[in-house]
Amino acid sequence: MRGIWQKIEQDRVLTPEFRACIERVYGERGRKALGAVDEGRVKRYRDFFVVVGRGDEYIVEGDFCTCSDFLFRGRECWHILAVRLAERTGLYEFYDLWYQDTWNV
C-alpha cells in the first residue's frame, strides 16, 4: 500500500485506479474518505487538519483523530484517511487561522 500513497503524492490526482485501490484496501472507510475529499470537507488550519463529518468536525493530527471510532478502536478512521488523501493531492481548504480561533467567531 505504501507505493499507492507515494504514487498519489507524485501525481497529485486521484485517478480511477487509485480510487479503486483505496476502496478495495480500506472498504467503507476508503469510500467515506474519498467522499470527504471530493465534497471539500477537509480543512487545513495553521495547527490542525479538520474533517467535517455527519454531525461534527473532527481534528486530525498525524495518526490521531478526535472521533469516537478512533478513540474506541485506536485505529485509523476514515477521517485520517481523508487527510492523507487531501495532503497528498492538495485537495483541501486552507484557513490561515488557528483552529481554536474559529471557536470565537
N, C-alpha and C. Protein backbone atom coordinates (compact mmCIF):
# COMPACT_ATOMS: atom_id res chain seq x y z
N MET A 1 0.82 -1.20 0.00
CA MET A 1 0.00 0.00 0.00
C MET A 1 0.86 1.26 0.00
N ARG A 2 2.05 1.15 0.51
CA ARG A 2 2.93 2.32 0.56
C ARG A 2 3.16 2.90 -0.83
N GLY A 3 3.28 2.05 -1.83
CA GLY A 3 3.51 2.51 -3.20
C GLY A 3 2.37 3.35 -3.73
N ILE A 4 1.15 2.99 -3.40
CA ILE A 4 -0.01 3.76 -3.88
C ILE A 4 -0.01 5.16 -3.28
N TRP A 5 0.34 5.29 -2.00
CA TRP A 5 0.40 6.61 -1.36
C TRP A 5 1.47 7.47 -2.02
N GLN A 6 2.61 6.88 -2.33
CA GLN A 6 3.69 7.63 -2.98
C GLN A 6 3.27 8.05 -4.39
N LYS A 7 2.58 7.18 -5.10
CA LYS A 7 2.13 7.48 -6.45
C LYS A 7 1.08 8.60 -6.43
N ILE A 8 0.16 8.56 -5.48
CA ILE A 8 -0.85 9.63 -5.36
C ILE A 8 -0.15 10.96 -5.09
N GLU A 9 0.84 10.94 -4.20
CA GLU A 9 1.56 12.17 -3.87
C GLU A 9 2.33 12.69 -5.08
N GLN A 10 2.92 11.79 -5.83
CA GLN A 10 3.69 12.18 -7.01
C GLN A 10 2.78 12.78 -8.08
N ASP A 11 1.66 12.12 -8.36
CA ASP A 11 0.76 12.57 -9.43
C ASP A 11 -0.19 13.68 -8.98
N ARG A 12 -0.44 13.75 -7.66
CA ARG A 12 -1.33 14.76 -7.05
C ARG A 12 -2.74 14.74 -7.64
N VAL A 13 -3.19 13.54 -8.01
CA VAL A 13 -4.53 13.39 -8.55
C VAL A 13 -5.07 12.02 -8.15
N LEU A 14 -6.37 11.95 -7.94
CA LEU A 14 -7.00 10.68 -7.57
C LEU A 14 -7.61 10.07 -8.83
N THR A 15 -6.82 9.27 -9.51
CA THR A 15 -7.28 8.63 -10.73
C THR A 15 -8.29 7.53 -10.37
N PRO A 16 -9.07 7.07 -11.34
CA PRO A 16 -9.98 5.95 -11.08
C PRO A 16 -9.27 4.72 -10.52
N GLU A 17 -8.04 4.48 -10.98
CA GLU A 17 -7.27 3.33 -10.48
C GLU A 17 -6.92 3.51 -9.00
N PHE A 18 -6.50 4.72 -8.62
CA PHE A 18 -6.17 4.99 -7.21
C PHE A 18 -7.43 4.87 -6.35
N ARG A 19 -8.53 5.41 -6.85
CA ARG A 19 -9.79 5.33 -6.11
C ARG A 19 -10.20 3.88 -5.88
N ALA A 20 -10.10 3.07 -6.91
CA ALA A 20 -10.45 1.65 -6.79
C ALA A 20 -9.55 0.95 -5.79
N CYS A 21 -8.27 1.28 -5.80
CA CYS A 21 -7.33 0.67 -4.85
C CYS A 21 -7.67 1.07 -3.42
N ILE A 22 -7.96 2.35 -3.20
CA ILE A 22 -8.31 2.84 -1.85
C ILE A 22 -9.57 2.12 -1.37
N GLU A 23 -10.57 2.01 -2.23
CA GLU A 23 -11.81 1.34 -1.84
C GLU A 23 -11.59 -0.15 -1.59
N ARG A 24 -10.76 -0.79 -2.40
CA ARG A 24 -10.51 -2.22 -2.24
C ARG A 24 -9.78 -2.50 -0.92
N VAL A 25 -8.77 -1.67 -0.61
CA VAL A 25 -7.97 -1.89 0.60
C VAL A 25 -8.72 -1.46 1.86
N TYR A 26 -9.40 -0.31 1.80
CA TYR A 26 -10.00 0.26 3.00
C TYR A 26 -11.51 0.10 3.10
N GLY A 27 -12.14 -0.40 2.06
CA GLY A 27 -13.59 -0.65 2.11
C GLY A 27 -14.39 0.62 2.35
N GLU A 28 -15.34 0.52 3.28
CA GLU A 28 -16.24 1.64 3.59
C GLU A 28 -15.47 2.87 4.08
N ARG A 29 -14.43 2.65 4.87
CA ARG A 29 -13.62 3.78 5.33
C ARG A 29 -13.00 4.53 4.15
N GLY A 30 -12.54 3.79 3.16
CA GLY A 30 -11.97 4.40 1.97
C GLY A 30 -13.00 5.18 1.18
N ARG A 31 -14.21 4.64 1.04
CA ARG A 31 -15.28 5.34 0.33
C ARG A 31 -15.65 6.65 1.04
N LYS A 32 -15.75 6.59 2.36
CA LYS A 32 -16.07 7.81 3.12
C LYS A 32 -14.97 8.85 2.99
N ALA A 33 -13.72 8.41 3.04
CA ALA A 33 -12.59 9.33 2.92
C ALA A 33 -12.58 10.00 1.54
N LEU A 34 -12.78 9.22 0.50
CA LEU A 34 -12.83 9.78 -0.85
C LEU A 34 -13.98 10.77 -0.97
N GLY A 35 -15.13 10.43 -0.39
CA GLY A 35 -16.27 11.34 -0.42
C GLY A 35 -15.97 12.66 0.26
N ALA A 36 -15.30 12.61 1.40
CA ALA A 36 -14.96 13.85 2.13
C ALA A 36 -14.03 14.73 1.29
N VAL A 37 -13.06 14.12 0.63
CA VAL A 37 -12.14 14.88 -0.21
C VAL A 37 -12.90 15.47 -1.40
N ASP A 38 -13.72 14.64 -2.06
CA ASP A 38 -14.48 15.10 -3.23
C ASP A 38 -15.44 16.23 -2.89
N GLU A 39 -16.01 16.19 -1.69
CA GLU A 39 -17.01 17.18 -1.28
C GLU A 39 -16.41 18.40 -0.58
N GLY A 40 -15.08 18.46 -0.50
CA GLY A 40 -14.42 19.62 0.11
C GLY A 40 -14.60 19.71 1.61
N ARG A 41 -14.69 18.56 2.28
CA ARG A 41 -14.91 18.56 3.72
C ARG A 41 -13.63 18.39 4.53
N VAL A 42 -12.48 18.54 3.87
CA VAL A 42 -11.19 18.50 4.58
C VAL A 42 -10.65 19.92 4.61
N LYS A 43 -10.35 20.40 5.82
CA LYS A 43 -9.88 21.76 6.02
C LYS A 43 -8.52 21.72 6.72
N ARG A 44 -7.67 22.63 6.32
CA ARG A 44 -6.38 22.73 6.99
C ARG A 44 -6.28 24.10 7.64
N TYR A 45 -6.02 24.09 8.92
CA TYR A 45 -5.77 25.31 9.67
C TYR A 45 -4.27 25.36 9.96
N ARG A 46 -3.82 26.41 10.61
CA ARG A 46 -2.40 26.51 10.95
C ARG A 46 -1.95 25.37 11.84
N ASP A 47 -2.83 24.90 12.71
CA ASP A 47 -2.43 23.91 13.71
C ASP A 47 -2.93 22.49 13.44
N PHE A 48 -4.03 22.33 12.76
CA PHE A 48 -4.62 21.00 12.59
C PHE A 48 -5.29 20.89 11.23
N PHE A 49 -5.51 19.64 10.84
CA PHE A 49 -6.49 19.35 9.79
C PHE A 49 -7.80 19.08 10.51
N VAL A 50 -8.89 19.42 9.87
CA VAL A 50 -10.22 19.16 10.40
C VAL A 50 -11.04 18.54 9.28
N VAL A 51 -11.76 17.47 9.62
CA VAL A 51 -12.64 16.82 8.65
C VAL A 51 -14.07 16.99 9.15
N VAL A 52 -14.92 17.48 8.27
CA VAL A 52 -16.32 17.66 8.61
C VAL A 52 -17.04 16.33 8.39
N GLY A 53 -17.57 15.80 9.47
CA GLY A 53 -18.30 14.54 9.41
C GLY A 53 -19.79 14.78 9.34
N ARG A 54 -20.57 13.76 9.61
CA ARG A 54 -22.04 13.88 9.55
C ARG A 54 -22.59 14.83 10.60
N GLY A 55 -22.06 14.77 11.81
CA GLY A 55 -22.63 15.58 12.87
C GLY A 55 -21.66 16.50 13.57
N ASP A 56 -20.40 16.44 13.20
CA ASP A 56 -19.41 17.23 13.92
C ASP A 56 -18.17 17.41 13.06
N GLU A 57 -17.24 18.22 13.54
CA GLU A 57 -15.93 18.36 12.93
C GLU A 57 -14.93 17.60 13.80
N TYR A 58 -14.00 16.92 13.14
CA TYR A 58 -13.03 16.10 13.86
C TYR A 58 -11.62 16.58 13.56
N ILE A 59 -10.85 16.78 14.62
CA ILE A 59 -9.47 17.22 14.49
C ILE A 59 -8.60 16.01 14.21
N VAL A 60 -7.75 16.15 13.20
CA VAL A 60 -6.81 15.09 12.84
C VAL A 60 -5.41 15.67 12.90
N GLU A 61 -4.57 15.00 13.65
CA GLU A 61 -3.17 15.40 13.75
C GLU A 61 -2.33 14.13 13.65
N GLY A 62 -1.62 13.99 12.54
CA GLY A 62 -0.84 12.78 12.32
C GLY A 62 -1.74 11.56 12.28
N ASP A 63 -1.45 10.60 13.12
CA ASP A 63 -2.24 9.36 13.17
C ASP A 63 -3.23 9.38 14.34
N PHE A 64 -3.71 10.58 14.70
CA PHE A 64 -4.67 10.72 15.79
C PHE A 64 -5.89 11.48 15.29
N CYS A 65 -7.07 11.05 15.74
CA CYS A 65 -8.32 11.73 15.39
C CYS A 65 -9.19 11.80 16.65
N THR A 66 -9.99 12.86 16.73
CA THR A 66 -10.85 13.04 17.90
C THR A 66 -12.20 12.33 17.77
N CYS A 67 -12.45 11.59 16.69
CA CYS A 67 -13.74 10.91 16.54
C CYS A 67 -13.84 9.72 17.49
N SER A 68 -15.06 9.34 17.81
CA SER A 68 -15.27 8.23 18.74
C SER A 68 -14.80 6.90 18.16
N ASP A 69 -14.88 6.74 16.84
CA ASP A 69 -14.41 5.49 16.22
C ASP A 69 -12.92 5.30 16.49
N PHE A 70 -12.13 6.34 16.28
CA PHE A 70 -10.70 6.25 16.55
C PHE A 70 -10.44 6.05 18.04
N LEU A 71 -11.12 6.82 18.87
CA LEU A 71 -10.89 6.74 20.30
C LEU A 71 -11.28 5.37 20.85
N PHE A 72 -12.32 4.76 20.29
CA PHE A 72 -12.76 3.45 20.76
C PHE A 72 -11.85 2.33 20.23
N ARG A 73 -11.58 2.34 18.92
CA ARG A 73 -10.79 1.27 18.30
C ARG A 73 -9.30 1.51 18.38
N GLY A 74 -8.90 2.80 18.46
CA GLY A 74 -7.47 3.09 18.49
C GLY A 74 -6.78 2.82 17.17
N ARG A 75 -7.56 2.79 16.10
CA ARG A 75 -7.01 2.51 14.77
C ARG A 75 -7.44 3.59 13.80
N GLU A 76 -6.83 3.55 12.66
CA GLU A 76 -7.08 4.51 11.60
C GLU A 76 -8.56 4.59 11.22
N CYS A 77 -9.12 5.78 11.29
CA CYS A 77 -10.51 6.01 10.91
C CYS A 77 -10.55 6.66 9.52
N TRP A 78 -11.75 6.86 9.00
CA TRP A 78 -11.85 7.44 7.65
C TRP A 78 -11.43 8.90 7.63
N HIS A 79 -11.50 9.58 8.77
CA HIS A 79 -11.05 10.98 8.82
C HIS A 79 -9.55 11.07 8.57
N ILE A 80 -8.80 10.16 9.17
CA ILE A 80 -7.34 10.12 8.96
C ILE A 80 -7.03 9.81 7.51
N LEU A 81 -7.76 8.86 6.93
CA LEU A 81 -7.55 8.54 5.51
C LEU A 81 -7.85 9.74 4.63
N ALA A 82 -8.93 10.46 4.94
CA ALA A 82 -9.28 11.65 4.15
C ALA A 82 -8.16 12.68 4.20
N VAL A 83 -7.58 12.89 5.37
CA VAL A 83 -6.48 13.85 5.49
C VAL A 83 -5.28 13.38 4.69
N ARG A 84 -4.96 12.11 4.75
CA ARG A 84 -3.83 11.59 3.97
C ARG A 84 -4.03 11.84 2.48
N LEU A 85 -5.23 11.57 2.01
CA LEU A 85 -5.54 11.81 0.59
C LEU A 85 -5.45 13.30 0.26
N ALA A 86 -6.04 14.12 1.11
CA ALA A 86 -6.06 15.56 0.86
C ALA A 86 -4.64 16.15 0.88
N GLU A 87 -3.82 15.71 1.82
CA GLU A 87 -2.45 16.21 1.91
C GLU A 87 -1.67 15.89 0.64
N ARG A 88 -1.85 14.68 0.15
CA ARG A 88 -1.06 14.23 -1.00
C ARG A 88 -1.53 14.82 -2.32
N THR A 89 -2.78 15.24 -2.37
CA THR A 89 -3.31 15.78 -3.61
C THR A 89 -3.48 17.30 -3.57
N GLY A 90 -3.41 17.87 -2.38
CA GLY A 90 -3.64 19.31 -2.23
C GLY A 90 -5.12 19.66 -2.27
N LEU A 91 -5.99 18.66 -2.15
CA LEU A 91 -7.44 18.88 -2.23
C LEU A 91 -8.03 19.14 -0.84
N TYR A 92 -7.75 20.31 -0.33
CA TYR A 92 -8.31 20.73 0.96
C TYR A 92 -8.42 22.25 0.95
N GLU A 93 -9.25 22.76 1.84
CA GLU A 93 -9.36 24.20 2.00
C GLU A 93 -8.38 24.64 3.08
N PHE A 94 -7.63 25.71 2.80
CA PHE A 94 -6.69 26.21 3.79
C PHE A 94 -7.26 27.47 4.44
N TYR A 95 -7.18 27.51 5.75
CA TYR A 95 -7.60 28.67 6.52
C TYR A 95 -6.38 29.18 7.28
N ASP A 96 -6.00 30.41 7.04
CA ASP A 96 -4.84 30.99 7.70
C ASP A 96 -5.24 31.48 9.10
N LEU A 97 -5.70 30.54 9.89
CA LEU A 97 -6.14 30.78 11.27
C LEU A 97 -5.71 29.59 12.12
N TRP A 98 -5.67 29.82 13.41
CA TRP A 98 -5.54 28.71 14.33
C TRP A 98 -6.94 28.14 14.51
N TYR A 99 -7.09 26.85 14.54
CA TYR A 99 -8.41 26.25 14.65
C TYR A 99 -9.14 26.77 15.88
N GLN A 100 -8.43 26.95 16.96
CA GLN A 100 -9.02 27.45 18.20
C GLN A 100 -9.68 28.80 17.98
N ASP A 101 -9.13 29.63 17.11
CA ASP A 101 -9.69 30.96 16.85
C ASP A 101 -11.08 30.87 16.22
N THR A 102 -11.39 29.78 15.55
CA THR A 102 -12.71 29.65 14.91
C THR A 102 -13.81 29.48 15.94
N TRP A 103 -13.48 29.09 17.15
CA TRP A 103 -14.49 28.91 18.20
C TRP A 103 -15.07 30.25 18.62
N ASN A 104 -14.32 31.33 18.45
CA ASN A 104 -14.76 32.65 18.90
C ASN A 104 -15.47 33.43 17.81
N VAL A 105 -15.60 32.85 16.64
CA VAL A 105 -16.21 33.57 15.51
C VAL A 105 -17.71 33.42 15.56
